[in-house]
Amino acid sequence: MGVSKRQVLKYIKRLTDMNLIVREGSRRVGIWRIIDEDYNSFFETNK
C-alpha cells in the first residue's frame, strides 16, 4: 500500500483520539470497531 507501519500507527492513534474507532478484545485477537453512527449501517449485513 505504500504506507509504513509507523504511519499506520499514527493514523490509528489519531482516530482513537477523535473517538472514531475503538479496540475490542486483546492485542492478539482483538478487532478495531468504527464507532461513528454514520458508518454503522454501512457495515451491517442484510439477513
PDB file of N, CA and C in Angstrom:
ATOM      1  N   MET A   1       0.812  -1.190   0.000  1.00  0.00           N
ATOM      2  CA  MET A   1       0.000   0.000   0.000  1.00  0.00           C
ATOM      3  C   MET A   1       0.854   1.251   0.000  1.00  0.00           C
ATOM      4  N   GLY A   2       2.115   1.115   0.284  1.00  0.00           N
ATOM      5  CA  GLY A   2       2.988   2.275   0.269  1.00  0.00           C
ATOM      6  C   GLY A   2       2.939   3.119   1.534  1.00  0.00           C
ATOM      7  N   VAL A   3       2.465   2.528   2.642  1.00  0.00           N
ATOM      8  CA  VAL A   3       2.388   3.248   3.914  1.00  0.00           C
ATOM      9  C   VAL A   3       3.198   2.470   4.940  1.00  0.00           C
ATOM     10  N   SER A   4       4.054   3.169   5.659  1.00  0.00           N
ATOM     11  CA  SER A   4       4.883   2.494   6.649  1.00  0.00           C
ATOM     12  C   SER A   4       4.068   2.117   7.885  1.00  0.00           C
ATOM     13  N   LYS A   5       4.583   1.156   8.634  1.00  0.00           N
ATOM     14  CA  LYS A   5       3.922   0.735   9.870  1.00  0.00           C
ATOM     15  C   LYS A   5       3.797   1.909  10.839  1.00  0.00           C
ATOM     16  N   ARG A   6       4.824   2.724  10.891  1.00  0.00           N
ATOM     17  CA  ARG A   6       4.813   3.889  11.783  1.00  0.00           C
ATOM     18  C   ARG A   6       3.686   4.862  11.412  1.00  0.00           C
ATOM     19  N   GLN A   7       3.480   5.067  10.104  1.00  0.00           N
ATOM     20  CA  GLN A   7       2.424   5.972   9.661  1.00  0.00           C
ATOM     21  C   GLN A   7       1.044   5.399   9.991  1.00  0.00           C
ATOM     22  N   VAL A   8       0.876   4.090   9.827  1.00  0.00           N
ATOM     23  CA  VAL A   8      -0.392   3.447  10.173  1.00  0.00           C
ATOM     24  C   VAL A   8      -0.683   3.627  11.655  1.00  0.00           C
ATOM     25  N   LEU A   9       0.323   3.434  12.504  1.00  0.00           N
ATOM     26  CA  LEU A   9       0.135   3.615  13.943  1.00  0.00           C
ATOM     27  C   LEU A   9      -0.251   5.053  14.284  1.00  0.00           C
ATOM     28  N   LYS A  10       0.303   6.019  13.564  1.00  0.00           N
ATOM     29  CA  LYS A  10      -0.076   7.427  13.770  1.00  0.00           C
ATOM     30  C   LYS A  10      -1.536   7.655  13.417  1.00  0.00           C
ATOM     31  N   TYR A  11      -1.978   7.053  12.286  1.00  0.00           N
ATOM     32  CA  TYR A  11      -3.381   7.196  11.879  1.00  0.00           C
ATOM     33  C   TYR A  11      -4.315   6.555  12.900  1.00  0.00           C
ATOM     34  N   ILE A  12      -3.950   5.375  13.390  1.00  0.00           N
ATOM     35  CA  ILE A  12      -4.780   4.704  14.394  1.00  0.00           C
ATOM     36  C   ILE A  12      -4.866   5.550  15.661  1.00  0.00           C
ATOM     37  N   LYS A  13      -3.753   6.103  16.090  1.00  0.00           N
ATOM     38  CA  LYS A  13      -3.739   6.957  17.287  1.00  0.00           C
ATOM     39  C   LYS A  13      -4.651   8.163  17.085  1.00  0.00           C
ATOM     40  N   ARG A  14      -4.566   8.787  15.924  1.00  0.00           N
ATOM     41  CA  ARG A  14      -5.388   9.963  15.631  1.00  0.00           C
ATOM     42  C   ARG A  14      -6.875   9.604  15.644  1.00  0.00           C
ATOM     43  N   LEU A  15      -7.233   8.473  15.048  1.00  0.00           N
ATOM     44  CA  LEU A  15      -8.635   8.048  15.013  1.00  0.00           C
ATOM     45  C   LEU A  15      -9.168   7.700  16.399  1.00  0.00           C
ATOM     46  N   THR A  16      -8.325   7.084  17.244  1.00  0.00           N
ATOM     47  CA  THR A  16      -8.776   6.782  18.605  1.00  0.00           C
ATOM     48  C   THR A  16      -8.911   8.056  19.429  1.00  0.00           C
ATOM     49  N   ASP A  17      -8.012   9.002  19.242  1.00  0.00           N
ATOM     50  CA  ASP A  17      -8.111  10.280  19.952  1.00  0.00           C
ATOM     51  C   ASP A  17      -9.374  11.048  19.561  1.00  0.00           C
ATOM     52  N   MET A  18      -9.817  10.867  18.316  1.00  0.00           N
ATOM     53  CA  MET A  18     -11.025  11.536  17.826  1.00  0.00           C
ATOM     54  C   MET A  18     -12.288  10.734  18.151  1.00  0.00           C
ATOM     55  N   ASN A  19     -12.122   9.617  18.870  1.00  0.00           N
ATOM     56  CA  ASN A  19     -13.231   8.735  19.244  1.00  0.00           C
ATOM     57  C   ASN A  19     -14.004   8.239  18.033  1.00  0.00           C
ATOM     58  N   LEU A  20     -13.278   7.909  16.959  1.00  0.00           N
ATOM     59  CA  LEU A  20     -13.910   7.359  15.765  1.00  0.00           C
ATOM     60  C   LEU A  20     -13.756   5.843  15.672  1.00  0.00           C
ATOM     61  N   ILE A  21     -12.723   5.293  16.351  1.00  0.00           N
ATOM     62  CA  ILE A  21     -12.557   3.849  16.399  1.00  0.00           C
ATOM     63  C   ILE A  21     -12.212   3.448  17.831  1.00  0.00           C
ATOM     64  N   VAL A  22     -12.463   2.174  18.126  1.00  0.00           N
ATOM     65  CA  VAL A  22     -12.148   1.647  19.452  1.00  0.00           C
ATOM     66  C   VAL A  22     -11.654   0.209  19.276  1.00  0.00           C
ATOM     67  N   ARG A  23     -10.731  -0.190  20.110  1.00  0.00           N
ATOM     68  CA  ARG A  23     -10.195  -1.548  20.077  1.00  0.00           C
ATOM     69  C   ARG A  23     -11.030  -2.420  20.996  1.00  0.00           C
ATOM     70  N   GLU A  24     -11.513  -3.548  20.482  1.00  0.00           N
ATOM     71  CA  GLU A  24     -12.274  -4.506  21.279  1.00  0.00           C
ATOM     72  C   GLU A  24     -11.508  -5.820  21.318  1.00  0.00           C
ATOM     73  N   GLY A  25     -11.325  -6.354  22.490  1.00  0.00           N
ATOM     74  CA  GLY A  25     -10.600  -7.611  22.640  1.00  0.00           C
ATOM     75  C   GLY A  25      -9.139  -7.370  22.976  1.00  0.00           C
ATOM     76  N   SER A  26      -8.385  -8.448  22.895  1.00  0.00           N
ATOM     77  CA  SER A  26      -6.975  -8.377  23.268  1.00  0.00           C
ATOM     78  C   SER A  26      -6.115  -7.880  22.109  1.00  0.00           C
ATOM     79  N   ARG A  27      -4.862  -7.653  22.393  1.00  0.00           N
ATOM     80  CA  ARG A  27      -3.937  -7.198  21.353  1.00  0.00           C
ATOM     81  C   ARG A  27      -3.782  -8.224  20.252  1.00  0.00           C
ATOM     82  N   ARG A  28      -3.864  -9.469  20.628  1.00  0.00           N
ATOM     83  CA  ARG A  28      -3.593 -10.536  19.670  1.00  0.00           C
ATOM     84  C   ARG A  28      -4.792 -10.905  18.806  1.00  0.00           C
ATOM     85  N   VAL A  29      -5.954 -10.987  19.410  1.00  0.00           N
ATOM     86  CA  VAL A  29      -7.130 -11.438  18.665  1.00  0.00           C
ATOM     87  C   VAL A  29      -8.256 -10.400  18.647  1.00  0.00           C
ATOM     88  N   GLY A  30      -7.944  -9.175  19.041  1.00  0.00           N
ATOM     89  CA  GLY A  30      -8.954  -8.131  19.064  1.00  0.00           C
ATOM     90  C   GLY A  30      -9.233  -7.568  17.674  1.00  0.00           C
ATOM     91  N   ILE A  31     -10.236  -6.698  17.632  1.00  0.00           N
ATOM     92  CA  ILE A  31     -10.604  -6.043  16.384  1.00  0.00           C
ATOM     93  C   ILE A  31     -10.758  -4.548  16.623  1.00  0.00           C
ATOM     94  N   TRP A  32     -10.648  -3.783  15.554  1.00  0.00           N
ATOM     95  CA  TRP A  32     -10.935  -2.352  15.604  1.00  0.00           C
ATOM     96  C   TRP A  32     -12.371  -2.162  15.149  1.00  0.00           C
ATOM     97  N   ARG A  33     -13.145  -1.380  15.880  1.00  0.00           N
ATOM     98  CA  ARG A  33     -14.538  -1.134  15.545  1.00  0.00           C
ATOM     99  C   ARG A  33     -14.752   0.361  15.324  1.00  0.00           C
ATOM    100  N   ILE A  34     -15.408   0.690  14.230  1.00  0.00           N
ATOM    101  CA  ILE A  34     -15.773   2.077  13.952  1.00  0.00           C
ATOM    102  C   ILE A  34     -16.950   2.425  14.837  1.00  0.00           C
ATOM    103  N   ILE A  35     -16.872   3.531  15.569  1.00  0.00           N
ATOM    104  CA  ILE A  35     -17.952   3.896  16.480  1.00  0.00           C
ATOM    105  C   ILE A  35     -18.723   5.124  16.003  1.00  0.00           C
ATOM    106  N   ASP A  36     -18.493   5.529  14.777  1.00  0.00           N
ATOM    107  CA  ASP A  36     -19.222   6.638  14.180  1.00  0.00           C
ATOM    108  C   ASP A  36     -20.572   6.118  13.684  1.00  0.00           C
ATOM    109  N   GLU A  37     -21.666   6.663  14.172  1.00  0.00           N
ATOM    110  CA  GLU A  37     -23.004   6.188  13.839  1.00  0.00           C
ATOM    111  C   GLU A  37     -23.309   6.238  12.347  1.00  0.00           C
ATOM    112  N   ASP A  38     -22.717   7.183  11.615  1.00  0.00           N
ATOM    113  CA  ASP A  38     -22.980   7.306  10.187  1.00  0.00           C
ATOM    114  C   ASP A  38     -22.525   6.080   9.415  1.00  0.00           C
ATOM    115  N   TYR A  39     -21.539   5.356   9.930  1.00  0.00           N
ATOM    116  CA  TYR A  39     -20.974   4.222   9.214  1.00  0.00           C
ATOM    117  C   TYR A  39     -21.463   2.868   9.709  1.00  0.00           C
ATOM    118  N   ASN A  40     -22.180   2.830  10.838  1.00  0.00           N
ATOM    119  CA  ASN A  40     -22.634   1.554  11.374  1.00  0.00           C
ATOM    120  C   ASN A  40     -23.534   0.821  10.388  1.00  0.00           C
ATOM    121  N   SER A  41     -24.463   1.512   9.765  1.00  0.00           N
ATOM    122  CA  SER A  41     -25.383   0.846   8.839  1.00  0.00           C
ATOM    123  C   SER A  41     -24.642   0.379   7.578  1.00  0.00           C
ATOM    124  N   PHE A  42     -23.558   1.019   7.233  1.00  0.00           N
ATOM    125  CA  PHE A  42     -22.784   0.626   6.048  1.00  0.00           C
ATOM    126  C   PHE A  42     -22.200  -0.769   6.205  1.00  0.00           C
ATOM    127  N   PHE A  43     -21.770  -1.119   7.417  1.00  0.00           N
ATOM    128  CA  PHE A  43     -21.125  -2.388   7.651  1.00  0.00           C
ATOM    129  C   PHE A  43     -22.077  -3.497   8.097  1.00  0.00           C
ATOM    130  N   GLU A  44     -23.328  -3.180   8.366  1.00  0.00           N
ATOM    131  CA  GLU A  44     -24.278  -4.202   8.748  1.00  0.00           C
ATOM    132  C   GLU A  44     -24.665  -5.011   7.527  1.00  0.00           C
ATOM    133  N   THR A  45     -24.858  -6.294   7.748  1.00  0.00           N
ATOM    134  CA  THR A  45     -25.277  -7.165   6.642  1.00  0.00           C
ATOM    135  C   THR A  45     -26.771  -7.373   6.697  1.00  0.00           C
ATOM    136  N   ASN A  46     -27.395  -7.474   5.552  1.00  0.00           N
ATOM    137  CA  ASN A  46     -28.832  -7.752   5.486  1.00  0.00           C
ATOM    138  C   ASN A  46     -29.030  -9.259   5.536  1.00  0.00           C
ATOM    139  N   LYS A  47     -29.764  -9.703   6.512  1.00  0.00           N
ATOM    140  CA  LYS A  47     -30.009 -11.144   6.669  1.00  0.00           C
ATOM    141  C   LYS A  47     -31.430 -11.490   6.316  1.00  0.00           C
TER     142      LYS A  47
END
